[in-house]
């Protein structure tokens, strides 16, 4: 039976209590939203609450609009701080921060004890 770091698992589960987006972007050009929607999602998170309500968020890479470069002078292909997302059955287009969502995007290996 696999063992898990229970403190990491508890922190992961409580992180879902306060997940928020930065900006609602429903008023941008519909063509821009459609072009994002046509790309492959970076993540798809589906949560079922205690009452059986299902919520899904699809995240998508956001282009590097601010022109940041790596240490070799190459532009990053995507924004390193933010992602696009679709929530509420894809009705709402939002801007989200990696800083907020990284807490709930942990790989399974993160929860394994460091010393087994």
PDB file of N, CA and C in Angstrom:
ATOM      1  N   UNK A   1       0.848  -1.177   0.000  1.00  0.00           N
ATOM      2  CA  UNK A   1       0.000   0.000   0.000  1.00  0.00           C
ATOM      3  C   UNK A   1       0.899   1.247   0.000  1.00  0.00           C
ATOM      4  N   UNK A   2       0.649   2.187  -0.928  1.00  0.00           N
ATOM      5  CA  UNK A   2       1.499   3.383  -0.964  1.00  0.00           C
ATOM      6  C   UNK A   2       1.279   4.258   0.272  1.00  0.00           C
ATOM      7  N   UNK A   3       2.345   4.900   0.703  1.00  0.00           N
ATOM      8  CA  UNK A   3       2.215   5.835   1.822  1.00  0.00           C
ATOM      9  C   UNK A   3       2.369   7.257   1.290  1.00  0.00           C
ATOM     10  N   UNK A   4       1.770   8.196   2.014  1.00  0.00           N
ATOM     11  CA  UNK A   4       1.791   9.585   1.587  1.00  0.00           C
ATOM     12  C   UNK A   4       2.177  10.473   2.750  1.00  0.00           C
ATOM     13  N   UNK A   5       2.740  11.611   2.413  1.00  0.00           N
ATOM     14  CA  UNK A   5       3.046  12.625   3.419  1.00  0.00           C
ATOM     15  C   UNK A   5       1.719  13.295   3.772  1.00  0.00           C
ATOM     16  N   UNK A   6       1.176  12.974   4.936  1.00  0.00           N
ATOM     17  CA  UNK A   6      -0.158  13.450   5.291  1.00  0.00           C
ATOM     18  C   UNK A   6      -0.221  14.964   5.444  1.00  0.00           C
ATOM     19  N   UNK A   7       0.847  15.602   5.877  1.00  0.00           N
ATOM     20  CA  UNK A   7       0.849  17.058   5.995  1.00  0.00           C
ATOM     21  C   UNK A   7       0.750  17.711   4.613  1.00  0.00           C
ATOM     22  N   UNK A   8       1.504  17.198   3.650  1.00  0.00           N
ATOM     23  CA  UNK A   8       1.419  17.730   2.282  1.00  0.00           C
ATOM     24  C   UNK A   8       0.026  17.505   1.701  1.00  0.00           C
ATOM     25  N   UNK A   9      -0.537  16.339   1.970  1.00  0.00           N
ATOM     26  CA  UNK A   9      -1.866  16.029   1.462  1.00  0.00           C
ATOM     27  C   UNK A   9      -2.920  16.946   2.086  1.00  0.00           C
ATOM     28  N   UNK A  10      -2.823  17.194   3.378  1.00  0.00           N
ATOM     29  CA  UNK A  10      -3.757  18.095   4.054  1.00  0.00           C
ATOM     30  C   UNK A  10      -3.634  19.522   3.520  1.00  0.00           C
ATOM     31  N   UNK A  11      -2.407  20.006   3.325  1.00  0.00           N
ATOM     32  CA  UNK A  11      -2.198  21.345   2.757  1.00  0.00           C
ATOM     33  C   UNK A  11      -2.773  21.445   1.348  1.00  0.00           C
ATOM     34  N   UNK A  12      -2.614  20.388   0.571  1.00  0.00           N
ATOM     35  CA  UNK A  12      -3.157  20.340  -0.783  1.00  0.00           C
ATOM     36  C   UNK A  12      -4.673  20.464  -0.750  1.00  0.00           C
ATOM     37  N   UNK A  13      -5.327  19.683   0.082  1.00  0.00           N
ATOM     38  CA  UNK A  13      -6.789  19.700   0.144  1.00  0.00           C
ATOM     39  C   UNK A  13      -7.329  21.040   0.642  1.00  0.00           C
ATOM     40  N   UNK A  14      -6.674  21.647   1.609  1.00  0.00           N
ATOM     41  CA  UNK A  14      -7.156  22.941   2.114  1.00  0.00           C
ATOM     42  C   UNK A  14      -6.885  24.067   1.116  1.00  0.00           C
ATOM     43  N   UNK A  15      -5.944  23.878   0.208  1.00  0.00           N
ATOM     44  CA  UNK A  15      -5.678  24.906  -0.807  1.00  0.00           C
ATOM     45  C   UNK A  15      -6.886  25.139  -1.705  1.00  0.00           C
ATOM     46  N   UNK A  16      -7.745  24.145  -1.847  1.00  0.00           N
ATOM     47  CA  UNK A  16      -8.936  24.288  -2.691  1.00  0.00           C
ATOM     48  C   UNK A  16      -9.966  25.237  -2.081  1.00  0.00           C
ATOM     49  N   UNK A  17      -9.849  25.536  -0.798  1.00  0.00           N
ATOM     50  CA  UNK A  17     -10.806  26.427  -0.139  1.00  0.00           C
ATOM     51  C   UNK A  17     -10.709  27.871  -0.614  1.00  0.00           C
ATOM     52  N   UNK A  18      -9.576  28.260  -1.148  1.00  0.00           N
ATOM     53  CA  UNK A  18      -9.383  29.674  -1.497  1.00  0.00           C
ATOM     54  C   UNK A  18      -8.707  29.827  -2.854  1.00  0.00           C
ATOM     55  N   UNK A  19      -9.271  29.208  -3.873  1.00  0.00           N
ATOM     56  CA  UNK A  19      -8.747  29.344  -5.233  1.00  0.00           C
ATOM     57  C   UNK A  19      -9.573  30.414  -5.935  1.00  0.00           C
ATOM     58  N   UNK A  20      -8.892  31.432  -6.414  1.00  0.00           N
ATOM     59  CA  UNK A  20      -9.579  32.547  -7.073  1.00  0.00           C
ATOM     60  C   UNK A  20      -8.866  32.919  -8.371  1.00  0.00           C
ATOM     61  N   UNK A  21      -9.620  33.499  -9.265  1.00  0.00           N
ATOM     62  CA  UNK A  21      -9.011  34.018 -10.489  1.00  0.00           C
ATOM     63  C   UNK A  21      -8.655  35.484 -10.278  1.00  0.00           C
ATOM     64  N   UNK A  22      -7.799  35.996 -11.147  1.00  0.00           N
ATOM     65  CA  UNK A  22      -7.363  37.395 -11.038  1.00  0.00           C
ATOM     66  C   UNK A  22      -8.357  38.338 -11.684  1.00  0.00           C
ATOM     67  N   UNK A  23      -8.805  38.006 -12.895  1.00  0.00           N
ATOM     68  CA  UNK A  23      -9.658  38.913 -13.660  1.00  0.00           C
ATOM     69  C   UNK A  23     -10.664  38.121 -14.489  1.00  0.00           C
ATOM     70  N   UNK A  24     -11.890  38.594 -14.527  1.00  0.00           N
ATOM     71  CA  UNK A  24     -12.900  38.055 -15.429  1.00  0.00           C
ATOM     72  C   UNK A  24     -12.721  38.767 -16.761  1.00  0.00           C
ATOM     73  N   UNK A  25     -12.560  38.004 -17.831  1.00  0.00           N
ATOM     74  CA  UNK A  25     -12.218  38.584 -19.139  1.00  0.00           C
ATOM     75  C   UNK A  25     -13.309  38.369 -20.186  1.00  0.00           C
ATOM     76  N   UNK A  26     -14.555  38.267 -19.773  1.00  0.00           N
ATOM     77  CA  UNK A  26     -15.652  37.991 -20.707  1.00  0.00           C
ATOM     78  C   UNK A  26     -15.887  39.107 -21.721  1.00  0.00           C
ATOM     79  N   UNK A  27     -15.384  40.299 -21.464  1.00  0.00           N
ATOM     80  CA  UNK A  27     -15.674  41.423 -22.362  1.00  0.00           C
ATOM     81  C   UNK A  27     -14.619  41.632 -23.447  1.00  0.00           C
ATOM     82  N   UNK A  28     -13.646  40.716 -23.546  1.00  0.00           N
ATOM     83  CA  UNK A  28     -12.663  40.852 -24.627  1.00  0.00           C
ATOM     84  C   UNK A  28     -13.296  40.377 -25.934  1.00  0.00           C
ATOM     85  N   UNK A  29     -12.565  40.553 -27.026  1.00  0.00           N
ATOM     86  CA  UNK A  29     -13.091  40.163 -28.328  1.00  0.00           C
ATOM     87  C   UNK A  29     -13.418  38.670 -28.343  1.00  0.00           C
ATOM     88  N   UNK A  30     -14.606  38.311 -28.829  1.00  0.00           N
ATOM     89  CA  UNK A  30     -14.977  36.887 -28.894  1.00  0.00           C
ATOM     90  C   UNK A  30     -13.982  36.053 -29.712  1.00  0.00           C
ATOM     91  N   UNK A  31     -13.360  36.660 -30.716  1.00  0.00           N
ATOM     92  CA  UNK A  31     -12.394  35.930 -31.545  1.00  0.00           C
ATOM     93  C   UNK A  31     -11.203  35.474 -30.713  1.00  0.00           C
ATOM     94  N   UNK A  32     -10.780  36.316 -29.762  1.00  0.00           N
ATOM     95  CA  UNK A  32      -9.637  35.957 -28.911  1.00  0.00           C
ATOM     96  C   UNK A  32      -9.993  34.778 -28.006  1.00  0.00           C
ATOM     97  N   UNK A  33     -11.199  34.827 -27.412  1.00  0.00           N
ATOM     98  CA  UNK A  33     -11.638  33.707 -26.566  1.00  0.00           C
ATOM     99  C   UNK A  33     -11.750  32.427 -27.397  1.00  0.00           C
ATOM    100  N   UNK A  34     -12.315  32.535 -28.587  1.00  0.00           N
ATOM    101  CA  UNK A  34     -12.466  31.364 -29.444  1.00  0.00           C
ATOM    102  C   UNK A  34     -11.116  30.788 -29.840  1.00  0.00           C
ATOM    103  N   UNK A  35     -10.134  31.649 -30.110  1.00  0.00           N
ATOM    104  CA  UNK A  35      -8.824  31.140 -30.508  1.00  0.00           C
ATOM    105  C   UNK A  35      -8.150  30.417 -29.348  1.00  0.00           C
ATOM    106  N   UNK A  36      -8.325  30.897 -28.130  1.00  0.00           N
ATOM    107  CA  UNK A  36      -7.774  30.208 -26.958  1.00  0.00           C
ATOM    108  C   UNK A  36      -8.479  28.866 -26.797  1.00  0.00           C
ATOM    109  N   UNK A  37      -9.783  28.859 -26.923  1.00  0.00           N
ATOM    110  CA  UNK A  37     -10.574  27.643 -26.732  1.00  0.00           C
ATOM    111  C   UNK A  37     -10.212  26.560 -27.748  1.00  0.00           C
ATOM    112  N   UNK A  38      -9.708  26.954 -28.915  1.00  0.00           N
ATOM    113  CA  UNK A  38      -9.348  25.993 -29.962  1.00  0.00           C
ATOM    114  C   UNK A  38      -7.997  25.322 -29.706  1.00  0.00           C
ATOM    115  N   UNK A  39      -7.223  25.826 -28.742  1.00  0.00           N
ATOM    116  CA  UNK A  39      -5.928  25.216 -28.439  1.00  0.00           C
ATOM    117  C   UNK A  39      -6.113  24.082 -27.425  1.00  0.00           C
ATOM    118  N   UNK A  40      -5.063  23.309 -27.236  1.00  0.00           N
ATOM    119  CA  UNK A  40      -5.098  22.202 -26.285  1.00  0.00           C
ATOM    120  C   UNK A  40      -4.959  22.735 -24.868  1.00  0.00           C
ATOM    121  N   UNK A  41      -5.854  22.349 -23.968  1.00  0.00           N
ATOM    122  CA  UNK A  41      -5.732  22.812 -22.579  1.00  0.00           C
ATOM    123  C   UNK A  41      -4.407  22.360 -21.959  1.00  0.00           C
ATOM    124  N   UNK A  42      -3.868  23.204 -21.096  1.00  0.00           N
ATOM    125  CA  UNK A  42      -2.661  22.877 -20.347  1.00  0.00           C
ATOM    126  C   UNK A  42      -3.020  21.982 -19.161  1.00  0.00           C
ATOM    127  N   UNK A  43      -4.134  22.278 -18.497  1.00  0.00           N
ATOM    128  CA  UNK A  43      -4.664  21.468 -17.401  1.00  0.00           C
ATOM    129  C   UNK A  43      -6.182  21.397 -17.546  1.00  0.00           C
ATOM    130  N   UNK A  44      -6.739  20.326 -17.043  1.00  0.00           N
ATOM    131  CA  UNK A  44      -8.184  20.240 -16.847  1.00  0.00           C
ATOM    132  C   UNK A  44      -8.367  19.695 -15.432  1.00  0.00           C
ATOM    133  N   UNK A  45      -8.928  20.517 -14.566  1.00  0.00           N
ATOM    134  CA  UNK A  45      -9.182  20.120 -13.181  1.00  0.00           C
ATOM    135  C   UNK A  45     -10.683  19.946 -12.996  1.00  0.00           C
ATOM    136  N   UNK A  46     -11.077  18.806 -12.473  1.00  0.00           N
ATOM    137  CA  UNK A  46     -12.480  18.539 -12.189  1.00  0.00           C
ATOM    138  C   UNK A  46     -12.604  18.178 -10.722  1.00  0.00           C
ATOM    139  N   UNK A  47     -13.450  18.907 -10.021  1.00  0.00           N
ATOM    140  CA  UNK A  47     -13.664  18.690  -8.590  1.00  0.00           C
ATOM    141  C   UNK A  47     -15.121  18.358  -8.339  1.00  0.00           C
ATOM    142  N   UNK A  48     -15.334  17.439  -7.421  1.00  0.00           N
ATOM    143  CA  UNK A  48     -16.685  17.108  -6.984  1.00  0.00           C
ATOM    144  C   UNK A  48     -16.764  17.423  -5.496  1.00  0.00           C
ATOM    145  N   UNK A  49     -17.701  18.300  -5.121  1.00  0.00           N
ATOM    146  CA  UNK A  49     -17.811  18.666  -3.710  1.00  0.00           C
ATOM    147  C   UNK A  49     -18.637  17.631  -2.951  1.00  0.00           C
ATOM    148  N   UNK A  50     -18.775  17.833  -1.652  1.00  0.00           N
ATOM    149  CA  UNK A  50     -19.468  16.875  -0.785  1.00  0.00           C
ATOM    150  C   UNK A  50     -20.931  16.696  -1.179  1.00  0.00           C
ATOM    151  N   UNK A  51     -21.523  17.689  -1.849  1.00  0.00           N
ATOM    152  CA  UNK A  51     -22.920  17.594  -2.290  1.00  0.00           C
ATOM    153  C   UNK A  51     -23.061  16.997  -3.688  1.00  0.00           C
ATOM    154  N   UNK A  52     -21.927  16.618  -4.295  1.00  0.00           N
ATOM    155  CA  UNK A  52     -21.959  16.026  -5.628  1.00  0.00           C
ATOM    156  C   UNK A  52     -21.888  17.029  -6.765  1.00  0.00           C
ATOM    157  N   UNK A  53     -21.747  18.315  -6.453  1.00  0.00           N
ATOM    158  CA  UNK A  53     -21.639  19.341  -7.500  1.00  0.00           C
ATOM    159  C   UNK A  53     -20.245  19.248  -8.148  1.00  0.00           C
ATOM    160  N   UNK A  54     -20.235  19.213  -9.464  1.00  0.00           N
ATOM    161  CA  UNK A  54     -18.979  19.090 -10.216  1.00  0.00           C
ATOM    162  C   UNK A  54     -18.590  20.449 -10.777  1.00  0.00           C
ATOM    163  N   UNK A  55     -17.336  20.829 -10.561  1.00  0.00           N
ATOM    164  CA  UNK A  55     -16.784  22.073 -11.104  1.00  0.00           C
ATOM    165  C   UNK A  55     -15.533  21.722 -11.900  1.00  0.00           C
ATOM    166  N   UNK A  56     -15.391  22.352 -13.057  1.00  0.00           N
ATOM    167  CA  UNK A  56     -14.241  22.102 -13.920  1.00  0.00           C
ATOM    168  C   UNK A  56     -13.605  23.420 -14.318  1.00  0.00           C
ATOM    169  N   UNK A  57     -12.293  23.425 -14.363  1.00  0.00           N
ATOM    170  CA  UNK A  57     -11.561  24.552 -14.934  1.00  0.00           C
ATOM    171  C   UNK A  57     -10.592  23.986 -15.963  1.00  0.00           C
ATOM    172  N   UNK A  58     -10.550  24.643 -17.110  1.00  0.00           N
ATOM    173  CA  UNK A  58      -9.582  24.314 -18.156  1.00  0.00           C
ATOM    174  C   UNK A  58      -8.619  25.484 -18.230  1.00  0.00           C
ATOM    175  N   UNK A  59      -7.328  25.201 -18.128  1.00  0.00           N
ATOM    176  CA  UNK A  59      -6.338  26.263 -18.232  1.00  0.00           C
ATOM    177  C   UNK A  59      -5.637  26.180 -19.585  1.00  0.00           C
ATOM    178  N   UNK A  60      -5.165  27.331 -20.040  1.00  0.00           N
ATOM    179  CA  UNK A  60      -4.491  27.430 -21.329  1.00  0.00           C
ATOM    180  C   UNK A  60      -3.298  28.368 -21.183  1.00  0.00           C
ATOM    181  N   UNK A  61      -2.229  28.053 -21.903  1.00  0.00           N
ATOM    182  CA  UNK A  61      -1.077  28.951 -21.899  1.00  0.00           C
ATOM    183  C   UNK A  61      -1.488  30.330 -22.403  1.00  0.00           C
ATOM    184  N   UNK A  62      -0.915  31.338 -21.783  1.00  0.00           N
ATOM    185  CA  UNK A  62      -1.104  32.724 -22.212  1.00  0.00           C
ATOM    186  C   UNK A  62       0.173  33.150 -22.915  1.00  0.00           C
ATOM    187  N   UNK A  63       0.092  33.730 -24.110  1.00  0.00           N
ATOM    188  CA  UNK A  63       1.309  34.164 -24.798  1.00  0.00           C
ATOM    189  C   UNK A  63       2.122  35.150 -23.960  1.00  0.00           C
ATOM    190  N   UNK A  64       3.396  35.172 -24.203  1.00  0.00           N
ATOM    191  CA  UNK A  64       4.305  36.086 -23.516  1.00  0.00           C
ATOM    192  C   UNK A  64       4.149  37.473 -24.126  1.00  0.00           C
ATOM    193  N   UNK A  65       3.173  38.228 -23.631  1.00  0.00           N
ATOM    194  CA  UNK A  65       2.874  39.558 -24.165  1.00  0.00           C
ATOM    195  C   UNK A  65       3.816  40.640 -23.679  1.00  0.00           C
ATOM    196  N   UNK A  66       4.517  40.390 -22.558  1.00  0.00           N
ATOM    197  CA  UNK A  66       5.366  41.443 -22.001  1.00  0.00           C
ATOM    198  C   UNK A  66       6.809  41.361 -22.479  1.00  0.00           C
ATOM    199  N   UNK A  67       7.118  40.378 -23.321  1.00  0.00           N
ATOM    200  CA  UNK A  67       8.448  40.300 -23.918  1.00  0.00           C
ATOM    201  C   UNK A  67       9.566  39.944 -22.954  1.00  0.00           C
ATOM    202  N   UNK A  68       9.312  39.091 -21.964  1.00  0.00           N
ATOM    203  CA  UNK A  68      10.381  38.678 -21.055  1.00  0.00           C
ATOM    204  C   UNK A  68      11.250  37.624 -21.721  1.00  0.00           C
ATOM    205  N   UNK A  69      12.525  37.629 -21.343  1.00  0.00           N
ATOM    206  CA  UNK A  69      13.524  36.761 -21.960  1.00  0.00           C
ATOM    207  C   UNK A  69      14.207  35.897 -20.910  1.00  0.00           C
ATOM    208  N   UNK A  70      14.700  34.741 -21.341  1.00  0.00           N
ATOM    209  CA  UNK A  70      15.476  33.905 -20.435  1.00  0.00           C
ATOM    210  C   UNK A  70      16.905  34.448 -20.354  1.00  0.00           C
ATOM    211  N   UNK A  71      17.759  33.797 -19.597  1.00  0.00           N
ATOM    212  CA  UNK A  71      19.117  34.310 -19.369  1.00  0.00           C
ATOM    213  C   UNK A  71      19.988  34.287 -20.626  1.00  0.00           C
ATOM    214  N   UNK A  72      19.540  33.613 -21.685  1.00  0.00           N
ATOM    215  CA  UNK A  72      20.285  33.561 -22.938  1.00  0.00           C
ATOM    216  C   UNK A  72      19.732  34.534 -23.974  1.00  0.00           C
ATOM    217  N   UNK A  73      18.743  35.335 -23.586  1.00  0.00           N
ATOM    218  CA  UNK A  73      18.174  36.316 -24.487  1.00  0.00           C
ATOM    219  C   UNK A  73      17.043  35.794 -25.347  1.00  0.00           C
ATOM    220  N   UNK A  74      16.584  34.584 -25.092  1.00  0.00           N
ATOM    221  CA  UNK A  74      15.477  34.009 -25.862  1.00  0.00           C
ATOM    222  C   UNK A  74      14.154  34.376 -25.199  1.00  0.00           C
ATOM    223  N   UNK A  75      13.178  34.805 -25.990  1.00  0.00           N
ATOM    224  CA  UNK A  75      11.877  35.133 -25.381  1.00  0.00           C
ATOM    225  C   UNK A  75      11.183  33.863 -24.898  1.00  0.00           C
ATOM    226  N   UNK A  76      10.532  33.960 -23.750  1.00  0.00           N
ATOM    227  CA  UNK A  76       9.726  32.843 -23.282  1.00  0.00           C
ATOM    228  C   UNK A  76       8.516  32.722 -24.199  1.00  0.00           C
ATOM    229  N   UNK A  77       8.113  31.517 -24.563  1.00  0.00           N
ATOM    230  CA  UNK A  77       6.960  31.378 -25.454  1.00  0.00           C
ATOM    231  C   UNK A  77       5.643  31.725 -24.765  1.00  0.00           C
ATOM    232  N   UNK A  78       5.592  31.527 -23.445  1.00  0.00           N
ATOM    233  CA  UNK A  78       4.355  31.759 -22.704  1.00  0.00           C
ATOM    234  C   UNK A  78       4.618  32.651 -21.503  1.00  0.00           C
ATOM    235  N   UNK A  79       3.578  33.275 -21.031  1.00  0.00           N
ATOM    236  CA  UNK A  79       3.644  34.081 -19.821  1.00  0.00           C
ATOM    237  C   UNK A  79       4.037  33.162 -18.670  1.00  0.00           C
ATOM    238  N   UNK A  80       5.032  33.553 -17.904  1.00  0.00           N
ATOM    239  CA  UNK A  80       5.523  32.720 -16.805  1.00  0.00           C
ATOM    240  C   UNK A  80       4.718  32.914 -15.527  1.00  0.00           C
ATOM    241  N   UNK A  81       3.845  33.910 -15.487  1.00  0.00           N
ATOM    242  CA  UNK A  81       3.094  34.212 -14.272  1.00  0.00           C
ATOM    243  C   UNK A  81       1.605  33.906 -14.353  1.00  0.00           C
ATOM    244  N   UNK A  82       1.056  33.906 -15.558  1.00  0.00           N
ATOM    245  CA  UNK A  82      -0.397  33.803 -15.695  1.00  0.00           C
ATOM    246  C   UNK A  82      -0.813  32.808 -16.767  1.00  0.00           C
ATOM    247  N   UNK A  83      -2.047  32.334 -16.604  1.00  0.00           N
ATOM    248  CA  UNK A  83      -2.694  31.423 -17.545  1.00  0.00           C
ATOM    249  C   UNK A  83      -4.088  31.951 -17.850  1.00  0.00           C
ATOM    250  N   UNK A  84      -4.636  31.520 -18.974  1.00  0.00           N
ATOM    251  CA  UNK A  84      -6.046  31.741 -19.236  1.00  0.00           C
ATOM    252  C   UNK A  84      -6.806  30.553 -18.668  1.00  0.00           C
ATOM    253  N   UNK A  85      -8.075  30.766 -18.341  1.00  0.00           N
ATOM    254  CA  UNK A  85      -8.897  29.668 -17.868  1.00  0.00           C
ATOM    255  C   UNK A  85     -10.347  29.845 -18.271  1.00  0.00           C
ATOM    256  N   UNK A  86     -11.034  28.726 -18.430  1.00  0.00           N
ATOM    257  CA  UNK A  86     -12.475  28.722 -18.651  1.00  0.00           C
ATOM    258  C   UNK A  86     -13.112  28.004 -17.471  1.00  0.00           C
ATOM    259  N   UNK A  87     -14.113  28.665 -16.868  1.00  0.00           N
ATOM    260  CA  UNK A  87     -14.814  28.109 -15.717  1.00  0.00           C
ATOM    261  C   UNK A  87     -16.327  28.191 -15.957  1.00  0.00           C
ATOM    262  N   UNK A  88     -17.094  27.637 -15.034  1.00  0.00           N
ATOM    263  CA  UNK A  88     -18.562  27.686 -15.111  1.00  0.00           C
ATOM    264  C   UNK A  88     -19.077  27.143 -16.448  1.00  0.00           C
ATOM    265  N   UNK A  89     -18.702  25.890 -16.731  1.00  0.00           N
ATOM    266  CA  UNK A  89     -19.105  25.229 -17.982  1.00  0.00           C
ATOM    267  C   UNK A  89     -18.656  26.015 -19.208  1.00  0.00           C
ATOM    268  N   UNK A  90     -17.468  26.567 -19.137  1.00  0.00           N
ATOM    269  CA  UNK A  90     -16.843  27.336 -20.230  1.00  0.00           C
ATOM    270  C   UNK A  90     -17.555  28.646 -20.537  1.00  0.00           C
ATOM    271  N   UNK A  91     -18.430  29.112 -19.659  1.00  0.00           N
ATOM    272  CA  UNK A  91     -19.130  30.382 -19.891  1.00  0.00           C
ATOM    273  C   UNK A  91     -18.280  31.588 -19.517  1.00  0.00           C
ATOM    274  N   UNK A  92     -17.353  31.404 -18.573  1.00  0.00           N
ATOM    275  CA  UNK A  92     -16.539  32.531 -18.112  1.00  0.00           C
ATOM    276  C   UNK A  92     -15.073  32.312 -18.449  1.00  0.00           C
ATOM    277  N   UNK A  93     -14.478  33.356 -19.037  1.00  0.00           N
ATOM    278  CA  UNK A  93     -13.069  33.369 -19.439  1.00  0.00           C
ATOM    279  C   UNK A  93     -12.320  34.208 -18.409  1.00  0.00           C
ATOM    280  N   UNK A  94     -11.306  33.611 -17.766  1.00  0.00           N
ATOM    281  CA  UNK A  94     -10.625  34.280 -16.660  1.00  0.00           C
ATOM    282  C   UNK A  94      -9.116  34.251 -16.838  1.00  0.00           C
ATOM    283  N   UNK A  95      -8.466  35.151 -16.128  1.00  0.00           N
ATOM    284  CA  UNK A  95      -7.016  35.187 -16.038  1.00  0.00           C
ATOM    285  C   UNK A  95      -6.645  34.663 -14.660  1.00  0.00           C
ATOM    286  N   UNK A  96      -5.751  33.692 -14.599  1.00  0.00           N
ATOM    287  CA  UNK A  96      -5.357  33.109 -13.324  1.00  0.00           C
ATOM    288  C   UNK A  96      -3.840  33.162 -13.169  1.00  0.00           C
ATOM    289  N   UNK A  97      -3.382  33.072 -11.941  1.00  0.00           N
ATOM    290  CA  UNK A  97      -1.957  33.156 -11.637  1.00  0.00           C
ATOM    291  C   UNK A  97      -1.411  31.778 -11.277  1.00  0.00           C
ATOM    292  N   UNK A  98      -0.229  31.454 -11.812  1.00  0.00           N
ATOM    293  CA  UNK A  98       0.449  30.232 -11.407  1.00  0.00           C
ATOM    294  C   UNK A  98       0.656  30.223  -9.895  1.00  0.00           C
ATOM    295  N   UNK A  99       0.976  31.375  -9.323  1.00  0.00           N
ATOM    296  CA  UNK A  99       1.233  31.475  -7.891  1.00  0.00           C
ATOM    297  C   UNK A  99       0.074  30.899  -7.081  1.00  0.00           C
ATOM    298  N   UNK A 100      -1.143  31.139  -7.514  1.00  0.00           N
ATOM    299  CA  UNK A 100      -2.325  30.647  -6.819  1.00  0.00           C
ATOM    300  C   UNK A 100      -2.583  29.178  -7.164  1.00  0.00           C
ATOM    301  N   UNK A 101      -2.519  28.822  -8.435  1.00  0.00           N
ATOM    302  CA  UNK A 101      -2.910  27.485  -8.869  1.00  0.00           C
ATOM    303  C   UNK A 101      -1.832  26.428  -8.684  1.00  0.00           C
ATOM    304  N   UNK A 102      -0.579  26.821  -8.553  1.00  0.00           N
ATOM    305  CA  UNK A 102       0.468  25.825  -8.342  1.00  0.00           C
ATOM    306  C   UNK A 102       0.205  24.985  -7.095  1.00  0.00           C
ATOM    307  N   UNK A 103      -0.488  25.536  -6.131  1.00  0.00           N
ATOM    308  CA  UNK A 103      -0.792  24.808  -4.892  1.00  0.00           C
ATOM    309  C   UNK A 103      -1.683  23.597  -5.130  1.00  0.00           C
ATOM    310  N   UNK A 104      -2.471  23.619  -6.210  1.00  0.00           N
ATOM    311  CA  UNK A 104      -3.374  22.502  -6.497  1.00  0.00           C
ATOM    312  C   UNK A 104      -2.969  21.743  -7.768  1.00  0.00           C
ATOM    313  N   UNK A 105      -1.784  22.011  -8.274  1.00  0.00           N
ATOM    314  CA  UNK A 105      -1.295  21.332  -9.472  1.00  0.00           C
ATOM    315  C   UNK A 105      -0.077  20.466  -9.156  1.00  0.00           C
ATOM    316  N   UNK A 106      -0.123  19.801  -8.052  1.00  0.00           N
ATOM    317  CA  UNK A 106       1.005  18.980  -7.602  1.00  0.00           C
ATOM    318  C   UNK A 106       0.975  17.607  -8.268  1.00  0.00           C
ATOM    319  N   UNK A 107       2.140  17.098  -8.687  1.00  0.00           N
ATOM    320  CA  UNK A 107       2.183  15.722  -9.202  1.00  0.00           C
ATOM    321  C   UNK A 107       2.060  14.736  -8.042  1.00  0.00           C
ATOM    322  N   UNK A 108       1.653  13.537  -8.334  1.00  0.00           N
ATOM    323  CA  UNK A 108       1.494  12.512  -7.308  1.00  0.00           C
ATOM    324  C   UNK A 108       2.787  12.299  -6.522  1.00  0.00           C
ATOM    325  N   UNK A 109       3.913  12.388  -7.197  1.00  0.00           N
ATOM    326  CA  UNK A 109       5.202  12.170  -6.523  1.00  0.00           C
ATOM    327  C   UNK A 109       5.451  13.173  -5.392  1.00  0.00           C
ATOM    328  N   UNK A 110       4.849  14.349  -5.472  1.00  0.00           N
ATOM    329  CA  UNK A 110       5.009  15.363  -4.429  1.00  0.00           C
ATOM    330  C   UNK A 110       4.504  14.863  -3.072  1.00  0.00           C
ATOM    331  N   UNK A 111       3.503  13.985  -3.077  1.00  0.00           N
ATOM    332  CA  UNK A 111       2.863  13.526  -1.849  1.00  0.00           C
ATOM    333  C   UNK A 111       3.541  12.311  -1.219  1.00  0.00           C
ATOM    334  N   UNK A 112       4.491  11.740  -1.921  1.00  0.00           N
ATOM    335  CA  UNK A 112       5.203  10.595  -1.369  1.00  0.00           C
ATOM    336  C   UNK A 112       6.204  11.085  -0.321  1.00  0.00           C
ATOM    337  N   UNK A 113       6.381  10.319   0.744  1.00  0.00           N
ATOM    338  CA  UNK A 113       7.368  10.744   1.756  1.00  0.00           C
ATOM    339  C   UNK A 113       8.765  10.817   1.145  1.00  0.00           C
ATOM    340  N   UNK A 114       9.537  11.780   1.598  1.00  0.00           N
ATOM    341  CA  UNK A 114      10.890  11.945   1.064  1.00  0.00           C
ATOM    342  C   UNK A 114      11.779  10.753   1.427  1.00  0.00           C
ATOM    343  N   UNK A 115      11.534  10.157   2.577  1.00  0.00           N
ATOM    344  CA  UNK A 115      12.363   9.038   3.048  1.00  0.00           C
ATOM    345  C   UNK A 115      11.457   7.847   3.344  1.00  0.00           C
ATOM    346  N   UNK A 116      11.497   6.878   2.455  1.00  0.00           N
ATOM    347  CA  UNK A 116      10.680   5.673   2.693  1.00  0.00           C
ATOM    348  C   UNK A 116      11.596   4.538   3.065  1.00  0.00           C
TER     349      UNK A 116
END
